[in-house]
């Protein structure tokens, strides 16, 4: 059996199927701060504004 390729701890690869425009609409219609925060994070990942969720917490401009 071949060995599994090495992976970095905590690295998750996801595919965001919603378009940036759809995420923008969802963000405008979000009703709670938690919902807005989650959609904003997905939007930033989709538009490559950030590369990782960890980057959002580490850089003051995103907080």
PDB file of N, CA and C in Angstrom:
ATOM      1  N   UNK A   1       0.841  -1.165   0.000  1.00  0.00           N
ATOM      2  CA  UNK A   1       0.000   0.000   0.000  1.00  0.00           C
ATOM      3  C   UNK A   1       0.895   1.239   0.000  1.00  0.00           C
ATOM      4  N   UNK A   2       0.670   2.218  -0.917  1.00  0.00           N
ATOM      5  CA  UNK A   2       1.500   3.413  -0.964  1.00  0.00           C
ATOM      6  C   UNK A   2       1.231   4.309   0.243  1.00  0.00           C
ATOM      7  N   UNK A   3       2.252   5.019   0.667  1.00  0.00           N
ATOM      8  CA  UNK A   3       2.107   5.932   1.799  1.00  0.00           C
ATOM      9  C   UNK A   3       1.282   7.143   1.381  1.00  0.00           C
ATOM     10  N   UNK A   4       0.513   7.668   2.324  1.00  0.00           N
ATOM     11  CA  UNK A   4      -0.284   8.865   2.060  1.00  0.00           C
ATOM     12  C   UNK A   4       0.653  10.058   1.941  1.00  0.00           C
ATOM     13  N   UNK A   5       0.323  10.999   1.076  1.00  0.00           N
ATOM     14  CA  UNK A   5       1.173  12.176   0.939  1.00  0.00           C
ATOM     15  C   UNK A   5       1.169  12.973   2.240  1.00  0.00           C
ATOM     16  N   UNK A   6       2.281  13.611   2.553  1.00  0.00           N
ATOM     17  CA  UNK A   6       2.336  14.390   3.793  1.00  0.00           C
ATOM     18  C   UNK A   6       1.383  15.587   3.710  1.00  0.00           C
ATOM     19  N   UNK A   7       0.777  15.916   4.839  1.00  0.00           N
ATOM     20  CA  UNK A   7      -0.105  17.078   4.898  1.00  0.00           C
ATOM     21  C   UNK A   7       0.322  17.958   6.054  1.00  0.00           C
ATOM     22  N   UNK A   8       0.029  19.225   5.927  1.00  0.00           N
ATOM     23  CA  UNK A   8       0.337  20.156   7.002  1.00  0.00           C
ATOM     24  C   UNK A   8      -0.812  20.126   7.991  1.00  0.00           C
ATOM     25  N   UNK A   9      -0.503  20.112   9.245  1.00  0.00           N
ATOM     26  CA  UNK A   9      -1.511  20.104  10.290  1.00  0.00           C
ATOM     27  C   UNK A   9      -2.363  21.365  10.194  1.00  0.00           C
ATOM     28  N   UNK A  10      -3.665  21.215  10.278  1.00  0.00           N
ATOM     29  CA  UNK A  10      -4.569  22.352  10.263  1.00  0.00           C
ATOM     30  C   UNK A  10      -4.892  22.904   8.893  1.00  0.00           C
ATOM     31  N   UNK A  11      -4.388  22.309   7.835  1.00  0.00           N
ATOM     32  CA  UNK A  11      -4.655  22.798   6.489  1.00  0.00           C
ATOM     33  C   UNK A  11      -5.892  22.096   5.946  1.00  0.00           C
ATOM     34  N   UNK A  12      -6.851  22.880   5.540  1.00  0.00           N
ATOM     35  CA  UNK A  12      -8.085  22.349   4.983  1.00  0.00           C
ATOM     36  C   UNK A  12      -8.277  22.960   3.609  1.00  0.00           C
ATOM     37  N   UNK A  13      -8.581  22.137   2.645  1.00  0.00           N
ATOM     38  CA  UNK A  13      -8.824  22.646   1.301  1.00  0.00           C
ATOM     39  C   UNK A  13     -10.314  22.482   1.015  1.00  0.00           C
ATOM     40  N   UNK A  14     -10.972  23.580   0.718  1.00  0.00           N
ATOM     41  CA  UNK A  14     -12.396  23.542   0.406  1.00  0.00           C
ATOM     42  C   UNK A  14     -12.627  24.248  -0.923  1.00  0.00           C
ATOM     43  N   UNK A  15     -13.713  23.894  -1.551  1.00  0.00           N
ATOM     44  CA  UNK A  15     -14.102  24.568  -2.782  1.00  0.00           C
ATOM     45  C   UNK A  15     -15.342  25.390  -2.476  1.00  0.00           C
ATOM     46  N   UNK A  16     -15.273  26.674  -2.714  1.00  0.00           N
ATOM     47  CA  UNK A  16     -16.409  27.558  -2.493  1.00  0.00           C
ATOM     48  C   UNK A  16     -17.161  27.645  -3.812  1.00  0.00           C
ATOM     49  N   UNK A  17     -18.348  27.066  -3.850  1.00  0.00           N
ATOM     50  CA  UNK A  17     -19.089  26.985  -5.104  1.00  0.00           C
ATOM     51  C   UNK A  17     -19.894  28.250  -5.412  1.00  0.00           C
ATOM     52  N   UNK A  18     -20.194  29.035  -4.399  1.00  0.00           N
ATOM     53  CA  UNK A  18     -20.947  30.267  -4.629  1.00  0.00           C
ATOM     54  C   UNK A  18     -20.061  31.287  -5.325  1.00  0.00           C
ATOM     55  N   UNK A  19     -20.657  32.087  -6.180  1.00  0.00           N
ATOM     56  CA  UNK A  19     -19.891  33.139  -6.856  1.00  0.00           C
ATOM     57  C   UNK A  19     -19.650  34.285  -5.881  1.00  0.00           C
ATOM     58  N   UNK A  20     -18.672  35.111  -6.195  1.00  0.00           N
ATOM     59  CA  UNK A  20     -18.389  36.273  -5.359  1.00  0.00           C
ATOM     60  C   UNK A  20     -19.616  37.181  -5.296  1.00  0.00           C
ATOM     61  N   UNK A  21     -20.316  37.311  -6.395  1.00  0.00           N
ATOM     62  CA  UNK A  21     -21.520  38.153  -6.440  1.00  0.00           C
ATOM     63  C   UNK A  21     -22.609  37.590  -5.522  1.00  0.00           C
ATOM     64  N   UNK A  22     -22.793  36.277  -5.522  1.00  0.00           N
ATOM     65  CA  UNK A  22     -23.780  35.650  -4.640  1.00  0.00           C
ATOM     66  C   UNK A  22     -23.400  35.884  -3.184  1.00  0.00           C
ATOM     67  N   UNK A  23     -22.130  35.734  -2.868  1.00  0.00           N
ATOM     68  CA  UNK A  23     -21.674  35.960  -1.495  1.00  0.00           C
ATOM     69  C   UNK A  23     -21.884  37.414  -1.082  1.00  0.00           C
ATOM     70  N   UNK A  24     -21.676  38.335  -2.015  1.00  0.00           N
ATOM     71  CA  UNK A  24     -21.899  39.748  -1.731  1.00  0.00           C
ATOM     72  C   UNK A  24     -23.366  40.002  -1.395  1.00  0.00           C
ATOM     73  N   UNK A  25     -24.266  39.372  -2.154  1.00  0.00           N
ATOM     74  CA  UNK A  25     -25.708  39.492  -1.899  1.00  0.00           C
ATOM     75  C   UNK A  25     -26.058  38.913  -0.537  1.00  0.00           C
ATOM     76  N   UNK A  26     -25.512  37.721  -0.229  1.00  0.00           N
ATOM     77  CA  UNK A  26     -25.768  37.095   1.064  1.00  0.00           C
ATOM     78  C   UNK A  26     -25.270  37.981   2.200  1.00  0.00           C
ATOM     79  N   UNK A  27     -24.134  38.608   2.000  1.00  0.00           N
ATOM     80  CA  UNK A  27     -23.575  39.493   3.013  1.00  0.00           C
ATOM     81  C   UNK A  27     -24.490  40.686   3.270  1.00  0.00           C
ATOM     82  N   UNK A  28     -25.041  41.239   2.216  1.00  0.00           N
ATOM     83  CA  UNK A  28     -25.948  42.384   2.358  1.00  0.00           C
ATOM     84  C   UNK A  28     -27.237  41.995   3.072  1.00  0.00           C
ATOM     85  N   UNK A  29     -27.654  40.737   2.923  1.00  0.00           N
ATOM     86  CA  UNK A  29     -28.902  40.275   3.532  1.00  0.00           C
ATOM     87  C   UNK A  29     -28.713  39.594   4.887  1.00  0.00           C
ATOM     88  N   UNK A  30     -27.471  39.471   5.339  1.00  0.00           N
ATOM     89  CA  UNK A  30     -27.197  38.814   6.616  1.00  0.00           C
ATOM     90  C   UNK A  30     -27.814  39.629   7.747  1.00  0.00           C
ATOM     91  N   UNK A  31     -28.375  38.924   8.728  1.00  0.00           N
ATOM     92  CA  UNK A  31     -29.094  39.628   9.785  1.00  0.00           C
ATOM     93  C   UNK A  31     -28.375  39.652  11.133  1.00  0.00           C
ATOM     94  N   UNK A  32     -27.432  38.764  11.355  1.00  0.00           N
ATOM     95  CA  UNK A  32     -26.737  38.747  12.639  1.00  0.00           C
ATOM     96  C   UNK A  32     -25.243  39.004  12.420  1.00  0.00           C
ATOM     97  N   UNK A  33     -24.577  39.512  13.440  1.00  0.00           N
ATOM     98  CA  UNK A  33     -23.124  39.735  13.311  1.00  0.00           C
ATOM     99  C   UNK A  33     -22.368  38.445  12.991  1.00  0.00           C
ATOM    100  N   UNK A  34     -22.776  37.330  13.586  1.00  0.00           N
ATOM    101  CA  UNK A  34     -22.103  36.055  13.321  1.00  0.00           C
ATOM    102  C   UNK A  34     -22.266  35.641  11.861  1.00  0.00           C
ATOM    103  N   UNK A  35     -23.452  35.815  11.339  1.00  0.00           N
ATOM    104  CA  UNK A  35     -23.715  35.465   9.939  1.00  0.00           C
ATOM    105  C   UNK A  35     -22.874  36.347   9.008  1.00  0.00           C
ATOM    106  N   UNK A  36     -22.818  37.635   9.299  1.00  0.00           N
ATOM    107  CA  UNK A  36     -22.019  38.561   8.487  1.00  0.00           C
ATOM    108  C   UNK A  36     -20.542  38.186   8.523  1.00  0.00           C
ATOM    109  N   UNK A  37     -20.052  37.859   9.708  1.00  0.00           N
ATOM    110  CA  UNK A  37     -18.644  37.498   9.861  1.00  0.00           C
ATOM    111  C   UNK A  37     -18.301  36.247   9.058  1.00  0.00           C
ATOM    112  N   UNK A  38     -19.157  35.245   9.123  1.00  0.00           N
ATOM    113  CA  UNK A  38     -18.912  33.994   8.389  1.00  0.00           C
ATOM    114  C   UNK A  38     -18.941  34.208   6.887  1.00  0.00           C
ATOM    115  N   UNK A  39     -19.937  34.950   6.413  1.00  0.00           N
ATOM    116  CA  UNK A  39     -20.043  35.195   4.972  1.00  0.00           C
ATOM    117  C   UNK A  39     -18.881  36.065   4.493  1.00  0.00           C
ATOM    118  N   UNK A  40     -18.483  37.058   5.306  1.00  0.00           N
ATOM    119  CA  UNK A  40     -17.356  37.923   4.937  1.00  0.00           C
ATOM    120  C   UNK A  40     -16.085  37.098   4.788  1.00  0.00           C
ATOM    121  N   UNK A  41     -15.877  36.169   5.700  1.00  0.00           N
ATOM    122  CA  UNK A  41     -14.697  35.301   5.641  1.00  0.00           C
ATOM    123  C   UNK A  41     -14.705  34.472   4.368  1.00  0.00           C
ATOM    124  N   UNK A  42     -15.842  33.888   4.030  1.00  0.00           N
ATOM    125  CA  UNK A  42     -15.952  33.083   2.806  1.00  0.00           C
ATOM    126  C   UNK A  42     -15.725  33.968   1.577  1.00  0.00           C
ATOM    127  N   UNK A  43     -16.271  35.175   1.602  1.00  0.00           N
ATOM    128  CA  UNK A  43     -16.098  36.106   0.483  1.00  0.00           C
ATOM    129  C   UNK A  43     -14.612  36.442   0.289  1.00  0.00           C
ATOM    130  N   UNK A  44     -13.913  36.741   1.400  1.00  0.00           N
ATOM    131  CA  UNK A  44     -12.485  37.062   1.301  1.00  0.00           C
ATOM    132  C   UNK A  44     -11.689  35.894   0.747  1.00  0.00           C
ATOM    133  N   UNK A  45     -12.039  34.677   1.169  1.00  0.00           N
ATOM    134  CA  UNK A  45     -11.349  33.498   0.642  1.00  0.00           C
ATOM    135  C   UNK A  45     -11.641  33.324  -0.849  1.00  0.00           C
ATOM    136  N   UNK A  46     -12.882  33.512  -1.235  1.00  0.00           N
ATOM    137  CA  UNK A  46     -13.291  33.357  -2.635  1.00  0.00           C
ATOM    138  C   UNK A  46     -12.570  34.364  -3.538  1.00  0.00           C
ATOM    139  N   UNK A  47     -12.448  35.605  -3.064  1.00  0.00           N
ATOM    140  CA  UNK A  47     -11.854  36.665  -3.878  1.00  0.00           C
ATOM    141  C   UNK A  47     -10.346  36.762  -3.690  1.00  0.00           C
ATOM    142  N   UNK A  48      -9.762  35.838  -2.926  1.00  0.00           N
ATOM    143  CA  UNK A  48      -8.320  35.781  -2.675  1.00  0.00           C
ATOM    144  C   UNK A  48      -7.794  37.046  -1.993  1.00  0.00           C
ATOM    145  N   UNK A  49      -8.671  37.718  -1.242  1.00  0.00           N
ATOM    146  CA  UNK A  49      -8.243  38.840  -0.411  1.00  0.00           C
ATOM    147  C   UNK A  49      -7.340  38.311   0.690  1.00  0.00           C
ATOM    148  N   UNK A  50      -7.669  37.119   1.187  1.00  0.00           N
ATOM    149  CA  UNK A  50      -6.834  36.399   2.152  1.00  0.00           C
ATOM    150  C   UNK A  50      -6.656  34.980   1.634  1.00  0.00           C
ATOM    151  N   UNK A  51      -5.606  34.327   2.091  1.00  0.00           N
ATOM    152  CA  UNK A  51      -5.355  32.950   1.669  1.00  0.00           C
ATOM    153  C   UNK A  51      -5.772  31.937   2.729  1.00  0.00           C
ATOM    154  N   UNK A  52      -5.804  32.380   4.001  1.00  0.00           N
ATOM    155  CA  UNK A  52      -6.168  31.476   5.092  1.00  0.00           C
ATOM    156  C   UNK A  52      -7.046  32.212   6.095  1.00  0.00           C
ATOM    157  N   UNK A  53      -7.843  31.456   6.834  1.00  0.00           N
ATOM    158  CA  UNK A  53      -8.669  32.038   7.885  1.00  0.00           C
ATOM    159  C   UNK A  53      -7.763  32.598   8.983  1.00  0.00           C
ATOM    160  N   UNK A  54      -6.660  31.934   9.240  1.00  0.00           N
ATOM    161  CA  UNK A  54      -5.711  32.384  10.251  1.00  0.00           C
ATOM    162  C   UNK A  54      -5.193  33.788   9.934  1.00  0.00           C
ATOM    163  N   UNK A  55      -5.030  34.092   8.680  1.00  0.00           N
ATOM    164  CA  UNK A  55      -4.545  35.399   8.245  1.00  0.00           C
ATOM    165  C   UNK A  55      -5.508  36.510   8.682  1.00  0.00           C
ATOM    166  N   UNK A  56      -6.783  36.232   8.716  1.00  0.00           N
ATOM    167  CA  UNK A  56      -7.781  37.235   9.097  1.00  0.00           C
ATOM    168  C   UNK A  56      -7.569  37.673  10.542  1.00  0.00           C
ATOM    169  N   UNK A  57      -7.320  36.711  11.423  1.00  0.00           N
ATOM    170  CA  UNK A  57      -7.099  37.045  12.821  1.00  0.00           C
ATOM    171  C   UNK A  57      -5.752  37.663  13.103  1.00  0.00           C
ATOM    172  N   UNK A  58      -4.792  37.411  12.242  1.00  0.00           N
ATOM    173  CA  UNK A  58      -3.429  37.886  12.472  1.00  0.00           C
ATOM    174  C   UNK A  58      -3.186  39.305  11.977  1.00  0.00           C
ATOM    175  N   UNK A  59      -3.997  39.777  11.052  1.00  0.00           N
ATOM    176  CA  UNK A  59      -3.771  41.099  10.467  1.00  0.00           C
ATOM    177  C   UNK A  59      -4.845  42.077  10.935  1.00  0.00           C
ATOM    178  N   UNK A  60      -4.430  43.161  11.573  1.00  0.00           N
ATOM    179  CA  UNK A  60      -5.393  44.119  12.136  1.00  0.00           C
ATOM    180  C   UNK A  60      -6.369  44.700  11.119  1.00  0.00           C
ATOM    181  N   UNK A  61      -5.992  44.793   9.865  1.00  0.00           N
ATOM    182  CA  UNK A  61      -6.892  45.404   8.875  1.00  0.00           C
ATOM    183  C   UNK A  61      -8.153  44.577   8.639  1.00  0.00           C
ATOM    184  N   UNK A  62      -8.144  43.296   9.038  1.00  0.00           N
ATOM    185  CA  UNK A  62      -9.311  42.448   8.836  1.00  0.00           C
ATOM    186  C   UNK A  62     -10.183  42.340  10.084  1.00  0.00           C
ATOM    187  N   UNK A  63      -9.702  42.868  11.192  1.00  0.00           N
ATOM    188  CA  UNK A  63     -10.449  42.707  12.453  1.00  0.00           C
ATOM    189  C   UNK A  63     -11.395  43.855  12.640  1.00  0.00           C
TER     190      UNK A  63
END
